Amino acid sequence: MIDTVAGAKSSAIIYSIAETAKANNLKPYDYFEYLLTEIPKHLDDTERKFLEGLLPWSPTLPANCRKLSKEEVK
């Protein structure tokens, strides 16, 4: 996939999303799964306001996307 310029660009985008998810205490796999199930639900939307709720710092993300805090693990 990274043998081409387009592939390298795609990889950079994926890695960027994963690292941003980690920086916001999200579980990257669960976050990607959520994105890939939610985005198709909005393909016909002309407004893109729903995207704000998908950002890694959005308080409306489902709990399963978030890592447990140290207090919650105990």
C-alpha atoms as a PDB file:
ATOM      1  CA  MET A   1       0.000   0.000   0.000  1.00  0.00           C
ATOM      2  CA  ILE A   2       2.835   2.436   0.653  1.00  0.00           C
ATOM      3  CA  ASP A   3       4.621   1.667  -2.614  1.00  0.00           C
ATOM      4  CA  THR A   4       2.914   4.663  -4.225  1.00  0.00           C
ATOM      5  CA  VAL A   5       2.485   8.301  -3.327  1.00  0.00           C
ATOM      6  CA  ALA A   6      -1.251   7.779  -2.853  1.00  0.00           C
ATOM      7  CA  GLY A   7      -0.598   4.736  -0.662  1.00  0.00           C
ATOM      8  CA  ALA A   8       1.899   6.634   1.457  1.00  0.00           C
ATOM      9  CA  LYS A   9      -0.587   9.473   1.866  1.00  0.00           C
ATOM     10  CA  SER A  10      -3.326   7.015   2.886  1.00  0.00           C
ATOM     11  CA  SER A  11      -1.023   5.381   5.418  1.00  0.00           C
ATOM     12  CA  ALA A  12      -0.107   8.766   6.881  1.00  0.00           C
ATOM     13  CA  ILE A  13      -3.784   9.617   7.323  1.00  0.00           C
ATOM     14  CA  ILE A  14      -4.511   6.295   9.056  1.00  0.00           C
ATOM     15  CA  TYR A  15      -1.503   6.638  11.372  1.00  0.00           C
ATOM     16  CA  SER A  16      -2.467  10.223  12.163  1.00  0.00           C
ATOM     17  CA  ILE A  17      -5.997   9.211  13.131  1.00  0.00           C
ATOM     18  CA  ALA A  18      -4.665   6.343  15.272  1.00  0.00           C
ATOM     19  CA  GLU A  19      -2.154   8.547  17.100  1.00  0.00           C
ATOM     20  CA  THR A  20      -4.749  11.276  17.669  1.00  0.00           C
ATOM     21  CA  ALA A  21      -7.091   8.655  19.096  1.00  0.00           C
ATOM     22  CA  LYS A  22      -4.355   7.469  21.476  1.00  0.00           C
ATOM     23  CA  ALA A  23      -3.594  11.055  22.511  1.00  0.00           C
ATOM     24  CA  ASN A  24      -7.262  11.435  23.435  1.00  0.00           C
ATOM     25  CA  ASN A  25      -7.309   8.226  25.522  1.00  0.00           C
ATOM     26  CA  LEU A  26      -9.268   6.240  22.958  1.00  0.00           C
ATOM     27  CA  LYS A  27      -8.789   2.636  21.930  1.00  0.00           C
ATOM     28  CA  PRO A  28      -7.793   2.994  18.254  1.00  0.00           C
ATOM     29  CA  TYR A  29      -9.386  -0.265  17.065  1.00  0.00           C
ATOM     30  CA  ASP A  30     -12.731   0.515  18.697  1.00  0.00           C
ATOM     31  CA  TYR A  31     -12.569   4.110  17.478  1.00  0.00           C
ATOM     32  CA  PHE A  32     -11.910   3.032  13.867  1.00  0.00           C
ATOM     33  CA  GLU A  33     -14.720   0.489  14.105  1.00  0.00           C
ATOM     34  CA  TYR A  34     -17.069   3.210  15.336  1.00  0.00           C
ATOM     35  CA  LEU A  35     -16.028   5.573  12.534  1.00  0.00           C
ATOM     36  CA  LEU A  36     -16.465   2.891   9.891  1.00  0.00           C
ATOM     37  CA  THR A  37     -19.980   2.090  11.097  1.00  0.00           C
ATOM     38  CA  GLU A  38     -21.146   5.666  11.660  1.00  0.00           C
ATOM     39  CA  ILE A  39     -19.817   7.459   8.577  1.00  0.00           C
ATOM     40  CA  PRO A  40     -21.785   5.286   6.092  1.00  0.00           C
ATOM     41  CA  LYS A  41     -25.009   6.248   7.899  1.00  0.00           C
ATOM     42  CA  HIS A  42     -24.441   9.850   6.787  1.00  0.00           C
ATOM     43  CA  LEU A  43     -23.423   9.417   3.156  1.00  0.00           C
ATOM     44  CA  ASP A  44     -26.541  11.240   1.945  1.00  0.00           C
ATOM     45  CA  ASP A  45     -26.188  14.141   4.401  1.00  0.00           C
ATOM     46  CA  THR A  46     -25.479  17.409   2.651  1.00  0.00           C
ATOM     47  CA  GLU A  47     -24.405  19.030   5.909  1.00  0.00           C
ATOM     48  CA  ARG A  48     -21.329  17.681   7.635  1.00  0.00           C
ATOM     49  CA  LYS A  49     -22.221  18.727  11.188  1.00  0.00           C
ATOM     50  CA  PHE A  50     -22.312  15.083  12.273  1.00  0.00           C
ATOM     51  CA  LEU A  51     -18.525  14.977  11.875  1.00  0.00           C
ATOM     52  CA  GLU A  52     -17.997  17.007  15.043  1.00  0.00           C
ATOM     53  CA  GLY A  53     -19.421  14.123  17.072  1.00  0.00           C
ATOM     54  CA  LEU A  54     -16.885  11.757  15.499  1.00  0.00           C
ATOM     55  CA  LEU A  55     -13.784  13.732  16.427  1.00  0.00           C
ATOM     56  CA  PRO A  56     -11.539  11.972  18.967  1.00  0.00           C
ATOM     57  CA  TRP A  57     -12.117  14.651  21.602  1.00  0.00           C
ATOM     58  CA  SER A  58     -15.906  14.603  21.238  1.00  0.00           C
ATOM     59  CA  PRO A  59     -17.710  13.942  24.529  1.00  0.00           C
ATOM     60  CA  THR A  60     -20.430  12.086  22.600  1.00  0.00           C
ATOM     61  CA  LEU A  61     -18.244   9.147  21.553  1.00  0.00           C
ATOM     62  CA  PRO A  62     -19.440   5.825  22.959  1.00  0.00           C
ATOM     63  CA  ALA A  63     -17.838   4.599  26.157  1.00  0.00           C
ATOM     64  CA  ASN A  64     -16.427   1.477  24.507  1.00  0.00           C
ATOM     65  CA  CYS A  65     -14.093   3.712  22.455  1.00  0.00           C
ATOM     66  CA  ARG A  66     -12.514   5.160  25.583  1.00  0.00           C
ATOM     67  CA  LYS A  67      -9.703   3.632  27.621  1.00  0.00           C
ATOM     68  CA  LEU A  68     -10.490   3.092  31.272  1.00  0.00           C
ATOM     69  CA  SER A  69      -8.844   5.581  33.596  1.00  0.00           C
ATOM     70  CA  LYS A  70      -6.489   4.324  36.284  1.00  0.00           C
ATOM     71  CA  GLU A  71      -9.234   4.872  38.872  1.00  0.00           C
ATOM     72  CA  GLU A  72     -11.726   2.799  36.848  1.00  0.00           C
ATOM     73  CA  VAL A  73      -9.269  -0.088  36.462  1.00  0.00           C
ATOM     74  CA  LYS A  74      -8.887  -0.482  40.243  1.00  0.00           C
END
